[in-house]
């Protein structure tokens, strides 16, 4: 994950699109860098699977123009204020040096 000017955080992967995607696009157009952090995988959703949601989330990230999207796994419909959840840190899924170099171009 890289530093960004704006980090949006939401419980589910469609929350950003439904609430503030237009604002994020405007911010990107003004030169701000944007990242998206989803706290859950959306596994409790009634339409589709978490795998489908992951593909949709990546497509939406690309359409918005966000630099990255990280999907944590804090348990859909089970978010609590536990110490474990409050101290969880998002980590990139792929940290191989070549991948990191390619993503910075």
N, C-alpha and C. Protein backbone atom coordinates (compact mmCIF):
# COMPACT_ATOMS: atom_id res chain seq x y z
N UNK A 1 0.84 -1.17 0.00
CA UNK A 1 0.00 0.00 0.00
C UNK A 1 0.89 1.24 0.00
N UNK A 2 0.48 2.23 -0.73
CA UNK A 2 1.26 3.46 -0.80
C UNK A 2 0.53 4.57 -0.06
N UNK A 3 1.24 5.64 0.22
CA UNK A 3 0.62 6.80 0.83
C UNK A 3 -0.30 7.47 -0.18
N UNK A 4 -1.45 7.92 0.29
CA UNK A 4 -2.41 8.63 -0.55
C UNK A 4 -2.90 9.86 0.20
N UNK A 5 -3.47 10.80 -0.55
CA UNK A 5 -4.04 11.99 0.07
C UNK A 5 -5.35 11.69 0.77
N UNK A 6 -6.14 10.78 0.19
CA UNK A 6 -7.46 10.45 0.72
C UNK A 6 -7.58 8.94 0.82
N UNK A 7 -7.88 8.45 2.02
CA UNK A 7 -8.14 7.03 2.23
C UNK A 7 -9.59 6.89 2.65
N UNK A 8 -10.39 6.21 1.85
CA UNK A 8 -11.79 5.98 2.19
C UNK A 8 -11.91 4.61 2.83
N UNK A 9 -12.71 4.54 3.89
CA UNK A 9 -12.87 3.30 4.64
C UNK A 9 -14.36 2.98 4.72
N UNK A 10 -14.71 1.74 4.40
CA UNK A 10 -16.11 1.32 4.46
C UNK A 10 -16.19 -0.13 4.90
N UNK A 11 -17.35 -0.52 5.38
CA UNK A 11 -17.55 -1.90 5.83
C UNK A 11 -17.57 -2.88 4.67
N UNK A 12 -18.27 -2.51 3.60
CA UNK A 12 -18.47 -3.43 2.46
C UNK A 12 -17.92 -2.83 1.18
N UNK A 13 -17.61 -3.70 0.24
CA UNK A 13 -16.97 -3.23 -0.99
C UNK A 13 -17.87 -2.41 -1.89
N UNK A 14 -19.17 -2.39 -1.70
CA UNK A 14 -19.99 -1.50 -2.53
C UNK A 14 -20.36 -0.20 -1.82
N UNK A 15 -19.99 -0.06 -0.56
CA UNK A 15 -20.36 1.14 0.19
C UNK A 15 -19.73 2.40 -0.40
N UNK A 16 -18.48 2.32 -0.79
CA UNK A 16 -17.80 3.49 -1.37
C UNK A 16 -18.49 3.91 -2.65
N UNK A 17 -18.80 2.94 -3.51
CA UNK A 17 -19.45 3.27 -4.78
C UNK A 17 -20.81 3.92 -4.55
N UNK A 18 -21.55 3.45 -3.56
CA UNK A 18 -22.89 3.96 -3.31
C UNK A 18 -22.90 5.31 -2.60
N UNK A 19 -21.83 5.63 -1.88
CA UNK A 19 -21.87 6.85 -1.06
C UNK A 19 -20.97 7.98 -1.53
N UNK A 20 -19.81 7.68 -2.10
CA UNK A 20 -18.90 8.79 -2.38
C UNK A 20 -18.03 8.62 -3.63
N UNK A 21 -18.37 7.72 -4.52
CA UNK A 21 -17.54 7.52 -5.72
C UNK A 21 -17.42 8.79 -6.54
N UNK A 22 -18.51 9.52 -6.70
CA UNK A 22 -18.47 10.76 -7.48
C UNK A 22 -17.52 11.78 -6.87
N UNK A 23 -17.55 11.90 -5.55
CA UNK A 23 -16.64 12.82 -4.87
C UNK A 23 -15.19 12.38 -5.06
N UNK A 24 -14.92 11.08 -4.97
CA UNK A 24 -13.56 10.59 -5.16
C UNK A 24 -13.07 10.88 -6.58
N UNK A 25 -13.92 10.69 -7.56
CA UNK A 25 -13.54 10.99 -8.95
C UNK A 25 -13.20 12.46 -9.10
N UNK A 26 -14.00 13.34 -8.49
CA UNK A 26 -13.71 14.78 -8.55
C UNK A 26 -12.38 15.10 -7.87
N UNK A 27 -12.11 14.45 -6.74
CA UNK A 27 -10.84 14.69 -6.04
C UNK A 27 -9.66 14.23 -6.88
N UNK A 28 -9.80 13.08 -7.52
CA UNK A 28 -8.73 12.58 -8.40
C UNK A 28 -8.52 13.55 -9.55
N UNK A 29 -9.61 14.06 -10.12
CA UNK A 29 -9.51 15.03 -11.22
C UNK A 29 -8.78 16.30 -10.78
N UNK A 30 -8.83 16.62 -9.49
CA UNK A 30 -8.14 17.80 -8.96
C UNK A 30 -6.71 17.49 -8.54
N UNK A 31 -6.28 16.25 -8.72
CA UNK A 31 -4.89 15.90 -8.45
C UNK A 31 -4.64 15.15 -7.15
N UNK A 32 -5.67 14.86 -6.39
CA UNK A 32 -5.49 14.10 -5.16
C UNK A 32 -5.35 12.61 -5.48
N UNK A 33 -4.55 11.92 -4.67
CA UNK A 33 -4.46 10.47 -4.81
C UNK A 33 -5.42 9.83 -3.81
N UNK A 34 -6.04 8.73 -4.22
CA UNK A 34 -7.10 8.11 -3.43
C UNK A 34 -6.84 6.61 -3.28
N UNK A 35 -7.12 6.09 -2.09
CA UNK A 35 -7.10 4.66 -1.83
C UNK A 35 -8.40 4.24 -1.18
N UNK A 36 -8.73 2.97 -1.30
CA UNK A 36 -9.98 2.44 -0.75
C UNK A 36 -9.65 1.26 0.17
N UNK A 37 -10.26 1.25 1.35
CA UNK A 37 -10.10 0.17 2.31
C UNK A 37 -11.48 -0.37 2.68
N UNK A 38 -11.73 -1.63 2.36
CA UNK A 38 -12.97 -2.31 2.74
C UNK A 38 -12.66 -3.18 3.96
N UNK A 39 -13.46 -3.07 5.00
CA UNK A 39 -13.19 -3.82 6.22
C UNK A 39 -13.57 -5.28 6.14
N UNK A 40 -14.49 -5.64 5.23
CA UNK A 40 -14.94 -7.03 5.13
C UNK A 40 -14.84 -7.52 3.69
N UNK A 41 -15.06 -8.81 3.52
CA UNK A 41 -15.07 -9.44 2.20
C UNK A 41 -16.46 -9.50 1.60
N UNK A 42 -17.48 -9.08 2.35
CA UNK A 42 -18.85 -9.11 1.84
C UNK A 42 -19.44 -10.50 1.79
N UNK A 43 -18.97 -11.38 2.64
CA UNK A 43 -19.39 -12.78 2.56
C UNK A 43 -20.84 -13.02 2.98
N UNK A 44 -21.48 -12.07 3.62
CA UNK A 44 -22.87 -12.25 4.04
C UNK A 44 -23.86 -11.69 3.03
N UNK A 45 -23.38 -11.12 1.95
CA UNK A 45 -24.27 -10.57 0.93
C UNK A 45 -25.15 -11.65 0.32
N UNK A 46 -26.32 -11.23 -0.15
CA UNK A 46 -27.28 -12.20 -0.69
C UNK A 46 -27.14 -12.39 -2.20
N UNK A 47 -26.38 -11.56 -2.86
CA UNK A 47 -26.22 -11.68 -4.31
C UNK A 47 -24.75 -11.90 -4.65
N UNK A 48 -24.48 -13.00 -5.29
CA UNK A 48 -23.11 -13.27 -5.70
C UNK A 48 -22.29 -13.88 -4.57
N UNK A 49 -21.02 -14.06 -4.86
CA UNK A 49 -20.08 -14.65 -3.92
C UNK A 49 -19.01 -13.63 -3.58
N UNK A 50 -18.24 -13.88 -2.52
CA UNK A 50 -17.13 -12.97 -2.22
C UNK A 50 -16.15 -12.84 -3.40
N UNK A 51 -15.98 -13.92 -4.16
CA UNK A 51 -15.08 -13.87 -5.32
C UNK A 51 -15.63 -12.94 -6.40
N UNK A 52 -16.92 -13.00 -6.63
CA UNK A 52 -17.54 -12.09 -7.60
C UNK A 52 -17.43 -10.66 -7.10
N UNK A 53 -17.67 -10.47 -5.79
CA UNK A 53 -17.57 -9.12 -5.23
C UNK A 53 -16.15 -8.57 -5.35
N UNK A 54 -15.16 -9.44 -5.21
CA UNK A 54 -13.77 -9.00 -5.36
C UNK A 54 -13.51 -8.49 -6.77
N UNK A 55 -14.01 -9.21 -7.77
CA UNK A 55 -13.84 -8.77 -9.16
C UNK A 55 -14.58 -7.46 -9.41
N UNK A 56 -15.79 -7.36 -8.89
CA UNK A 56 -16.56 -6.12 -9.05
C UNK A 56 -15.87 -4.96 -8.36
N UNK A 57 -15.32 -5.21 -7.16
CA UNK A 57 -14.64 -4.16 -6.41
C UNK A 57 -13.42 -3.66 -7.17
N UNK A 58 -12.67 -4.56 -7.77
CA UNK A 58 -11.49 -4.15 -8.55
C UNK A 58 -11.91 -3.36 -9.78
N UNK A 59 -12.96 -3.79 -10.45
CA UNK A 59 -13.45 -3.05 -11.62
C UNK A 59 -13.90 -1.65 -11.21
N UNK A 60 -14.58 -1.54 -10.07
CA UNK A 60 -15.02 -0.23 -9.59
C UNK A 60 -13.83 0.64 -9.21
N UNK A 61 -12.81 0.05 -8.58
CA UNK A 61 -11.61 0.81 -8.23
C UNK A 61 -10.98 1.41 -9.47
N UNK A 62 -10.89 0.61 -10.52
CA UNK A 62 -10.30 1.09 -11.77
C UNK A 62 -11.14 2.20 -12.39
N UNK A 63 -12.46 2.06 -12.35
CA UNK A 63 -13.33 3.09 -12.92
C UNK A 63 -13.22 4.40 -12.14
N UNK A 64 -13.13 4.29 -10.82
CA UNK A 64 -12.99 5.49 -9.99
C UNK A 64 -11.63 6.12 -10.20
N UNK A 65 -10.61 5.29 -10.35
CA UNK A 65 -9.25 5.78 -10.52
C UNK A 65 -8.44 5.76 -9.24
N UNK A 66 -8.92 5.02 -8.23
CA UNK A 66 -8.18 4.91 -6.97
C UNK A 66 -6.89 4.14 -7.22
N UNK A 67 -5.86 4.49 -6.48
CA UNK A 67 -4.55 3.84 -6.66
C UNK A 67 -4.54 2.40 -6.18
N UNK A 68 -5.31 2.11 -5.14
CA UNK A 68 -5.37 0.75 -4.62
C UNK A 68 -6.70 0.53 -3.93
N UNK A 69 -7.00 -0.73 -3.73
CA UNK A 69 -8.15 -1.14 -2.92
C UNK A 69 -7.71 -2.35 -2.13
N UNK A 70 -7.83 -2.28 -0.82
CA UNK A 70 -7.50 -3.39 0.06
C UNK A 70 -8.79 -3.86 0.71
N UNK A 71 -9.01 -5.16 0.66
CA UNK A 71 -10.20 -5.76 1.28
C UNK A 71 -9.74 -6.59 2.47
N UNK A 72 -10.04 -6.11 3.67
CA UNK A 72 -9.66 -6.84 4.88
C UNK A 72 -10.68 -7.95 5.12
N UNK A 73 -10.48 -8.71 6.15
CA UNK A 73 -11.36 -9.84 6.44
C UNK A 73 -11.78 -9.81 7.91
N UNK A 74 -12.48 -8.73 8.30
CA UNK A 74 -12.88 -8.57 9.70
C UNK A 74 -14.25 -9.17 10.00
N UNK A 75 -14.82 -9.89 9.06
CA UNK A 75 -16.07 -10.60 9.31
C UNK A 75 -17.31 -9.78 9.02
N UNK A 76 -17.88 -9.99 7.86
CA UNK A 76 -19.09 -9.28 7.46
C UNK A 76 -20.22 -9.58 8.44
N UNK A 77 -20.92 -8.57 8.88
CA UNK A 77 -22.02 -8.65 9.85
C UNK A 77 -21.54 -9.06 11.24
N UNK A 78 -20.24 -9.10 11.44
CA UNK A 78 -19.69 -9.46 12.75
C UNK A 78 -18.64 -8.45 13.20
N UNK A 79 -18.67 -7.26 12.67
CA UNK A 79 -17.71 -6.25 13.09
C UNK A 79 -17.97 -5.87 14.54
N UNK A 80 -16.95 -5.99 15.34
CA UNK A 80 -17.05 -5.61 16.74
C UNK A 80 -15.89 -4.70 17.08
N UNK A 81 -15.98 -4.05 18.21
CA UNK A 81 -14.92 -3.16 18.66
C UNK A 81 -13.88 -3.92 19.47
N UNK A 82 -13.57 -5.13 19.05
CA UNK A 82 -12.58 -5.94 19.77
C UNK A 82 -11.19 -5.33 19.60
N UNK A 83 -10.32 -5.67 20.52
CA UNK A 83 -8.94 -5.20 20.42
C UNK A 83 -8.32 -5.69 19.11
N UNK A 84 -8.60 -6.92 18.75
CA UNK A 84 -8.05 -7.48 17.51
C UNK A 84 -8.49 -6.67 16.29
N UNK A 85 -9.78 -6.33 16.21
CA UNK A 85 -10.26 -5.55 15.07
C UNK A 85 -9.74 -4.11 15.11
N UNK A 86 -9.66 -3.53 16.30
CA UNK A 86 -9.20 -2.14 16.39
C UNK A 86 -7.73 -2.00 16.06
N UNK A 87 -6.97 -3.07 16.22
CA UNK A 87 -5.53 -3.00 15.95
C UNK A 87 -5.14 -3.68 14.65
N UNK A 88 -6.11 -4.21 13.92
CA UNK A 88 -5.82 -4.86 12.63
C UNK A 88 -5.23 -3.83 11.68
N UNK A 89 -4.24 -4.25 10.93
CA UNK A 89 -3.60 -3.35 9.97
C UNK A 89 -3.72 -3.95 8.58
N UNK A 90 -4.18 -3.14 7.63
CA UNK A 90 -4.25 -3.65 6.26
C UNK A 90 -2.85 -3.89 5.72
N UNK A 91 -2.72 -4.96 5.00
CA UNK A 91 -1.43 -5.28 4.37
C UNK A 91 -1.68 -5.60 2.91
N UNK A 92 -0.76 -5.21 2.06
CA UNK A 92 -0.93 -5.57 0.65
C UNK A 92 -0.92 -7.08 0.49
N UNK A 93 -1.67 -7.57 -0.47
CA UNK A 93 -1.75 -9.01 -0.68
C UNK A 93 -0.50 -9.56 -1.34
N UNK A 94 0.17 -8.77 -2.14
CA UNK A 94 1.33 -9.25 -2.89
C UNK A 94 2.47 -8.28 -2.66
N UNK A 95 3.49 -8.74 -1.96
CA UNK A 95 4.60 -7.85 -1.60
C UNK A 95 5.90 -8.22 -2.31
N UNK A 96 5.81 -9.02 -3.36
CA UNK A 96 7.03 -9.37 -4.08
C UNK A 96 7.65 -8.10 -4.66
N UNK A 97 8.97 -7.94 -4.59
CA UNK A 97 9.60 -6.71 -5.06
C UNK A 97 9.25 -6.34 -6.50
N UNK A 98 9.22 -7.31 -7.40
CA UNK A 98 8.93 -7.00 -8.80
C UNK A 98 7.52 -6.45 -8.94
N UNK A 99 6.57 -7.04 -8.22
CA UNK A 99 5.19 -6.56 -8.27
C UNK A 99 5.10 -5.15 -7.72
N UNK A 100 5.77 -4.89 -6.62
CA UNK A 100 5.74 -3.54 -6.04
C UNK A 100 6.35 -2.53 -7.01
N UNK A 101 7.44 -2.89 -7.67
CA UNK A 101 8.05 -1.98 -8.64
C UNK A 101 7.11 -1.73 -9.81
N UNK A 102 6.47 -2.76 -10.30
CA UNK A 102 5.56 -2.61 -11.44
C UNK A 102 4.37 -1.74 -11.08
N UNK A 103 3.89 -1.83 -9.84
CA UNK A 103 2.72 -1.04 -9.45
C UNK A 103 3.06 0.42 -9.24
N UNK A 104 4.32 0.76 -9.12
CA UNK A 104 4.71 2.16 -8.92
C UNK A 104 4.93 2.90 -10.23
N UNK A 105 4.80 2.25 -11.35
CA UNK A 105 5.02 2.90 -12.65
C UNK A 105 3.76 3.54 -13.15
